[in-house]
Amino acid sequence: MATTSEQYDAVIEHCRQLYLKKHRDYGAAWRILRLPSLTDQIFIKANRLRSIQDKGVQMVEDRMDGEFIGILNYSLMALVQCERGIAQEADLNEGEALQVFNEQVEVAKSLMEKKNHDYGEAWRDMRISSLTDLILQKILRIKQIEDNQGKTIASEGIEANYLDMVNYAAFALIKMNEN
């Protein structure tokens, strides 16, 4: 059986390859997106997942794993925006786009390993629908923080929530690959 680290790396590599293919098609057009726009993109994907999970039927035959890939990649893009700020144009070539993706993956994976140690890989016993709900909860938290102009009193900031969504989406993709 593959270790969590190996499974995580495989899922990330799949997401990275799609990210690079889309970069070749569109460039870094996503760099102009403000954080609320990225949050809303993630919300759309997570909400679709929950809707399909609740209804048990989907009318558009897009694969559900594609939505988790989108959540993961958009969350990484949001983390880049948090770090670099919003650009006025597509300002990253392919090498730079890959570098910023990889830098955020390193942060997310490090966090995953620390939490996995502390929580004893509890996510392995969770349902994919619960991971979807946790992602939606994180989105609602981010939206509230955005509405509060980034100010928090007692909670983690936006970046922590995006990092958690990267990891929840990766866990969902690992679980889907195992099934």
Protein backbone atom coordinates (compact mmCIF):
# COMPACT_ATOMS: atom_id res chain seq x y z
CA MET A 1 0.00 0.00 0.00
CA ALA A 2 1.29 3.44 -0.91
CA THR A 3 2.00 5.87 1.89
CA THR A 4 -0.05 9.02 2.28
CA SER A 5 2.95 11.06 1.15
CA GLU A 6 3.26 9.05 -2.08
CA GLN A 7 -0.50 9.20 -2.71
CA TYR A 8 -0.51 12.93 -2.02
CA ASP A 9 2.39 13.47 -4.43
CA ALA A 10 0.61 11.46 -7.15
CA VAL A 11 -2.59 13.49 -6.76
CA ILE A 12 -0.64 16.75 -6.79
CA GLU A 13 1.25 15.68 -9.90
CA HIS A 14 -2.03 15.02 -11.69
CA CYS A 15 -3.30 18.46 -10.63
CA ARG A 16 0.01 20.06 -11.64
CA GLN A 17 -0.16 18.57 -15.12
CA LEU A 18 -3.66 19.96 -15.67
CA TYR A 19 -2.53 23.34 -14.30
CA LEU A 20 0.35 23.37 -16.80
CA LYS A 21 -1.87 22.35 -19.72
CA LYS A 22 -4.29 25.14 -18.87
CA HIS A 23 -1.36 27.54 -18.58
CA ARG A 24 -0.36 26.60 -22.12
CA ASP A 25 -3.93 27.28 -23.29
CA TYR A 26 -4.63 30.47 -21.31
CA GLY A 27 -1.37 31.72 -19.86
CA ALA A 28 -1.57 33.11 -16.35
CA ALA A 29 -4.86 34.93 -16.96
CA TRP A 30 -5.92 33.86 -13.45
CA ARG A 31 -3.44 36.36 -12.02
CA ILE A 32 -5.96 39.16 -12.55
CA LEU A 33 -8.58 37.48 -10.34
CA ARG A 34 -9.29 39.07 -7.01
CA LEU A 35 -9.54 36.72 -4.03
CA PRO A 36 -13.36 36.86 -3.85
CA SER A 37 -13.49 35.74 -7.49
CA LEU A 38 -11.27 32.75 -6.74
CA THR A 39 -13.30 31.98 -3.63
CA ASP A 40 -16.47 32.04 -5.73
CA GLN A 41 -14.93 29.69 -8.30
CA ILE A 42 -14.11 27.24 -5.52
CA PHE A 43 -17.62 27.68 -4.10
CA ILE A 44 -19.19 26.83 -7.47
CA LYS A 45 -17.19 23.60 -7.70
CA ALA A 46 -17.85 22.54 -4.09
CA ASN A 47 -21.52 23.44 -4.35
CA ARG A 48 -21.84 21.32 -7.51
CA LEU A 49 -20.24 18.39 -5.71
CA ARG A 50 -22.64 18.69 -2.79
CA SER A 51 -25.63 19.05 -5.10
CA ILE A 52 -24.70 15.88 -7.00
CA GLN A 53 -23.95 14.02 -3.77
CA ASP A 54 -27.36 15.04 -2.36
CA LYS A 55 -29.34 14.29 -5.53
CA GLY A 56 -27.47 11.14 -6.45
CA VAL A 57 -27.76 12.12 -10.12
CA GLN A 58 -25.86 14.52 -12.33
CA MET A 59 -27.17 16.01 -15.57
CA VAL A 60 -23.80 17.17 -16.92
CA GLU A 61 -21.43 14.23 -17.18
CA ASP A 62 -18.29 15.98 -15.94
CA ARG A 63 -16.27 13.76 -13.65
CA MET A 64 -16.54 14.57 -9.96
CA ASP A 65 -12.79 14.27 -9.47
CA GLY A 66 -12.41 17.18 -11.86
CA GLU A 67 -14.22 19.40 -9.38
CA PHE A 68 -11.83 18.42 -6.58
CA ILE A 69 -8.89 19.08 -8.92
CA GLY A 70 -10.37 22.51 -9.63
CA ILE A 71 -10.80 23.21 -5.91
CA LEU A 72 -7.19 22.21 -5.26
CA ASN A 73 -5.75 24.25 -8.14
CA TYR A 74 -7.89 27.35 -7.50
CA SER A 75 -6.93 27.21 -3.81
CA LEU A 76 -3.25 27.15 -4.78
CA MET A 77 -3.84 30.09 -7.13
CA ALA A 78 -5.54 31.97 -4.30
CA LEU A 79 -2.52 31.35 -2.08
CA VAL A 80 -0.29 32.80 -4.81
CA GLN A 81 -2.57 35.85 -4.96
CA CYS A 82 -2.33 36.23 -1.17
CA GLU A 83 1.44 36.18 -1.39
CA ARG A 84 2.03 38.19 -4.56
CA GLY A 85 -1.04 40.37 -4.81
CA ILE A 86 -3.35 40.72 -7.79
CA ALA A 87 -1.72 41.40 -11.15
CA GLN A 88 -3.10 43.68 -13.85
CA GLU A 89 -2.15 41.20 -16.55
CA ALA A 90 -1.00 37.61 -17.03
CA ASP A 91 2.48 38.15 -15.61
CA LEU A 92 3.90 34.63 -15.20
CA ASN A 93 5.60 32.57 -17.87
CA GLU A 94 5.31 28.79 -17.67
CA GLY A 95 8.42 28.37 -15.54
CA GLU A 96 7.32 31.05 -13.08
CA ALA A 97 3.78 29.66 -12.95
CA LEU A 98 5.16 26.22 -12.14
CA GLN A 99 7.48 27.67 -9.49
CA VAL A 100 4.68 29.48 -7.61
CA PHE A 101 2.48 26.37 -7.84
CA ASN A 102 5.25 24.20 -6.40
CA GLU A 103 6.05 26.68 -3.63
CA GLN A 104 2.44 26.61 -2.42
CA VAL A 105 2.29 22.82 -2.71
CA GLU A 106 5.32 22.57 -0.41
CA VAL A 107 3.55 24.68 2.22
CA ALA A 108 0.32 22.66 1.89
CA LYS A 109 2.10 19.30 2.04
CA SER A 110 4.11 20.31 5.09
CA LEU A 111 0.90 21.34 6.85
CA MET A 112 -0.78 18.08 5.79
CA GLU A 113 2.08 16.01 7.21
CA LYS A 114 1.98 17.85 10.55
CA LYS A 115 -1.80 17.57 10.87
CA ASN A 116 -1.75 13.97 9.67
CA HIS A 117 0.67 13.17 12.46
CA ASP A 118 -1.45 14.89 15.09
CA TYR A 119 -4.82 13.60 13.85
CA GLY A 120 -3.64 10.06 13.05
CA GLU A 121 -4.88 10.10 9.44
CA ALA A 122 -8.49 10.41 10.60
CA TRP A 123 -9.42 11.59 7.09
CA ARG A 124 -9.06 8.01 5.86
CA ASP A 125 -12.22 7.10 7.80
CA MET A 126 -14.16 10.10 6.52
CA ARG A 127 -16.68 10.11 3.70
CA ILE A 128 -16.00 12.12 0.56
CA SER A 129 -19.25 13.98 1.25
CA SER A 130 -17.82 15.11 4.60
CA LEU A 131 -14.71 16.42 2.87
CA THR A 132 -17.02 18.33 0.51
CA ASP A 133 -18.86 19.81 3.50
CA LEU A 134 -15.59 20.84 5.16
CA ILE A 135 -14.51 22.58 1.95
CA LEU A 136 -17.83 24.43 1.82
CA GLN A 137 -17.40 25.44 5.46
CA LYS A 138 -13.92 26.80 4.70
CA ILE A 139 -15.33 28.76 1.77
CA LEU A 140 -17.99 30.33 3.98
CA ARG A 141 -15.31 31.25 6.50
CA ILE A 142 -13.20 32.85 3.79
CA LYS A 143 -16.20 34.78 2.47
CA GLN A 144 -16.88 36.13 5.96
CA ILE A 145 -13.23 37.14 6.41
CA GLU A 146 -13.31 38.81 2.98
CA ASP A 147 -16.48 40.66 3.98
CA ASN A 148 -14.62 41.78 7.13
CA GLN A 149 -11.80 43.18 4.94
CA GLY A 150 -9.45 40.44 6.15
CA LYS A 151 -9.78 41.26 9.82
CA THR A 152 -10.21 38.42 12.30
CA ILE A 153 -10.53 38.44 16.07
CA ALA A 154 -9.84 34.86 17.13
CA SER A 155 -9.56 32.77 14.00
CA GLU A 156 -7.03 31.74 11.40
CA GLY A 157 -6.71 33.93 8.36
CA ILE A 158 -7.66 33.31 4.77
CA GLU A 159 -4.45 31.49 3.87
CA ALA A 160 -4.99 28.77 6.49
CA ASN A 161 -8.43 28.07 5.05
CA TYR A 162 -7.13 27.85 1.48
CA LEU A 163 -4.39 25.47 2.66
CA ASP A 164 -6.97 23.27 4.35
CA MET A 165 -9.03 23.17 1.14
CA VAL A 166 -5.97 22.07 -0.84
CA ASN A 167 -5.51 19.20 1.59
CA TYR A 168 -9.19 18.23 1.84
CA ALA A 169 -9.41 18.13 -1.96
CA ALA A 170 -6.22 16.02 -2.10
CA PHE A 171 -7.69 13.62 0.47
CA ALA A 172 -10.90 13.31 -1.55
CA LEU A 173 -8.88 12.57 -4.71
CA ILE A 174 -6.82 9.94 -2.87
CA LYS A 175 -10.00 8.30 -1.61
CA MET A 176 -11.56 8.39 -5.10
CA ASN A 177 -8.42 6.80 -6.56
CA GLU A 178 -8.57 4.03 -3.94
CA ASN A 179 -12.18 3.24 -4.89
